[in-house]
C-alpha atoms as a PDB file:
ATOM      1  CA  MET A   1     -17.982   7.655 -34.498  1.00  0.00           C
ATOM      2  CA  ASP A   2     -18.175   8.254 -30.574  1.00  0.00           C
ATOM      3  CA  SER A   3     -17.550  10.786 -28.265  1.00  0.00           C
ATOM      4  CA  SER A   4     -14.220  10.746 -28.178  1.00  0.00           C
ATOM      5  CA  GLN A   5     -13.435  10.647 -31.775  1.00  0.00           C
ATOM      6  CA  LEU A   6     -15.904  13.974 -32.371  1.00  0.00           C
ATOM      7  CA  ARG A   7     -14.146  15.770 -29.217  1.00  0.00           C
ATOM      8  CA  MET A   8     -10.656  15.272 -30.998  1.00  0.00           C
ATOM      9  CA  ALA A   9     -11.863  15.910 -34.576  1.00  0.00           C
ATOM     10  CA  ARG A  10     -13.020  19.152 -33.263  1.00  0.00           C
ATOM     11  CA  ALA A  11     -10.160  19.958 -31.703  1.00  0.00           C
ATOM     12  CA  GLY A  12      -8.043  18.869 -34.688  1.00  0.00           C
ATOM     13  CA  LEU A  13     -10.147  21.119 -37.036  1.00  0.00           C
ATOM     14  CA  LYS A  14     -10.170  24.130 -34.603  1.00  0.00           C
ATOM     15  CA  ILE A  15     -13.610  24.570 -34.321  1.00  0.00           C
ATOM     16  CA  GLY A  16     -16.590  25.072 -31.566  1.00  0.00           C
ATOM     17  CA  VAL A  17     -19.235  23.195 -30.891  1.00  0.00           C
ATOM     18  CA  ARG A  18     -21.616  25.905 -32.582  1.00  0.00           C
ATOM     19  CA  ASP A  19     -19.674  26.419 -35.666  1.00  0.00           C
ATOM     20  CA  LEU A  20     -19.819  22.085 -35.916  1.00  0.00           C
ATOM     21  CA  ALA A  21     -23.891  22.549 -35.574  1.00  0.00           C
ATOM     22  CA  VAL A  22     -23.595  24.975 -38.491  1.00  0.00           C
ATOM     23  CA  MET A  23     -21.918  22.725 -40.610  1.00  0.00           C
ATOM     24  CA  ALA A  24     -23.796  19.759 -40.095  1.00  0.00           C
ATOM     25  CA  GLY A  25     -27.572  21.355 -39.684  1.00  0.00           C
ATOM     26  CA  VAL A  26     -27.853  19.890 -35.717  1.00  0.00           C
ATOM     27  CA  THR A  27     -28.351  21.389 -32.643  1.00  0.00           C
ATOM     28  CA  THR A  28     -25.438  22.717 -30.008  1.00  0.00           C
ATOM     29  CA  ALA A  29     -26.938  20.799 -27.578  1.00  0.00           C
ATOM     30  CA  THR A  30     -27.494  17.463 -29.404  1.00  0.00           C
ATOM     31  CA  ILE A  31     -23.339  17.600 -30.061  1.00  0.00           C
ATOM     32  CA  THR A  32     -22.702  18.778 -26.350  1.00  0.00           C
ATOM     33  CA  ARG A  33     -24.857  15.931 -24.717  1.00  0.00           C
ATOM     34  CA  PHE A  34     -22.916  13.055 -27.399  1.00  0.00           C
ATOM     35  CA  GLU A  35     -19.391  14.705 -26.217  1.00  0.00           C
ATOM     36  CA  ASN A  36     -20.257  14.409 -22.353  1.00  0.00           C
ATOM     37  CA  GLU A  37     -21.337  10.762 -22.660  1.00  0.00           C
ATOM     38  CA  ARG A  38     -25.149  11.839 -22.020  1.00  0.00           C
ATOM     39  CA  GLY A  39     -26.338  10.802 -24.709  1.00  0.00           C
ATOM     40  CA  GLY A  40     -26.389   8.658 -28.242  1.00  0.00           C
ATOM     41  CA  LEU A  41     -27.067   9.814 -31.457  1.00  0.00           C
ATOM     42  CA  ASN A  42     -29.612   8.971 -33.812  1.00  0.00           C
ATOM     43  CA  ALA A  43     -28.463   7.223 -37.348  1.00  0.00           C
ATOM     44  CA  VAL A  44     -29.473  10.652 -39.042  1.00  0.00           C
ATOM     45  CA  THR A  45     -27.921  12.751 -36.676  1.00  0.00           C
ATOM     46  CA  GLN A  46     -24.380  10.972 -36.495  1.00  0.00           C
ATOM     47  CA  SER A  47     -24.143  10.695 -40.386  1.00  0.00           C
ATOM     48  CA  LYS A  48     -24.718  14.605 -40.943  1.00  0.00           C
ATOM     49  CA  LEU A  49     -21.605  15.090 -38.140  1.00  0.00           C
ATOM     50  CA  LYS A  50     -19.571  12.707 -39.497  1.00  0.00           C
ATOM     51  CA  ALA A  51     -20.151  13.941 -43.343  1.00  0.00           C
ATOM     52  CA  ALA A  52     -19.750  17.518 -41.869  1.00  0.00           C
ATOM     53  CA  LEU A  53     -16.221  16.834 -40.427  1.00  0.00           C
ATOM     54  CA  GLU A  54     -14.995  14.537 -43.052  1.00  0.00           C
ATOM     55  CA  ALA A  55     -15.900  17.655 -46.048  1.00  0.00           C
ATOM     56  CA  ALA A  56     -13.951  19.559 -43.547  1.00  0.00           C
ATOM     57  CA  GLY A  57     -10.537  17.030 -43.748  1.00  0.00           C
ATOM     58  CA  ILE A  58     -11.516  14.727 -40.808  1.00  0.00           C
ATOM     59  CA  ILE A  59     -10.262  11.024 -41.398  1.00  0.00           C
ATOM     60  CA  PHE A  60     -12.161   8.673 -38.976  1.00  0.00           C
ATOM     61  CA  ILE A  61      -9.926   5.647 -37.791  1.00  0.00           C
ATOM     62  CA  ASP A  62     -12.013   2.211 -36.707  1.00  0.00           C
ATOM     63  CA  GLN A  63     -10.962   1.004 -33.444  1.00  0.00           C
ATOM     64  CA  ASN A  64      -7.532  -1.157 -34.489  1.00  0.00           C
ATOM     65  CA  GLY A  65      -6.095  -2.232 -31.249  1.00  0.00           C
ATOM     66  CA  ASN A  66      -4.973   1.255 -29.586  1.00  0.00           C
ATOM     67  CA  GLY A  67      -8.520   2.558 -29.725  1.00  0.00           C
ATOM     68  CA  PRO A  68     -10.569   4.598 -32.217  1.00  0.00           C
ATOM     69  CA  GLY A  69      -9.483   7.854 -33.525  1.00  0.00           C
ATOM     70  CA  VAL A  70      -8.999  10.535 -36.017  1.00  0.00           C
ATOM     71  CA  ARG A  71      -6.472  12.294 -38.178  1.00  0.00           C
ATOM     72  CA  LEU A  72      -6.442  15.705 -40.372  1.00  0.00           C
ATOM     73  CA  ARG A  73      -6.804  14.208 -44.670  1.00  0.00           C
ATOM     74  CA  ASP A  74      -3.444  15.671 -45.977  1.00  0.00           C
ATOM     75  CA  ARG A  75      -4.066  19.134 -47.185  1.00  0.00           C
ATOM     76  CA  GLN A  76      -0.737  19.262 -49.609  1.00  0.00           C
ATOM     77  CA  GLY A  77      -2.064  19.131 -53.393  1.00  0.00           C
END
């Protein structure tokens, strides 16, 4: 997960930094710093963020020639 994927995921879910921080159990400062490309994430923090976003419906798309991205899981039952 890179910083642009994190921003896109939050935008897709329509959640703020504070919401994600609570969902993932990390600080808002950590999320903001990473999104603004002023620092990386350790493996544990990245795992917490990714798991929280995936549980909320985000699918992470790896680099495939057009750049990494995210999409929302189909919520139709």
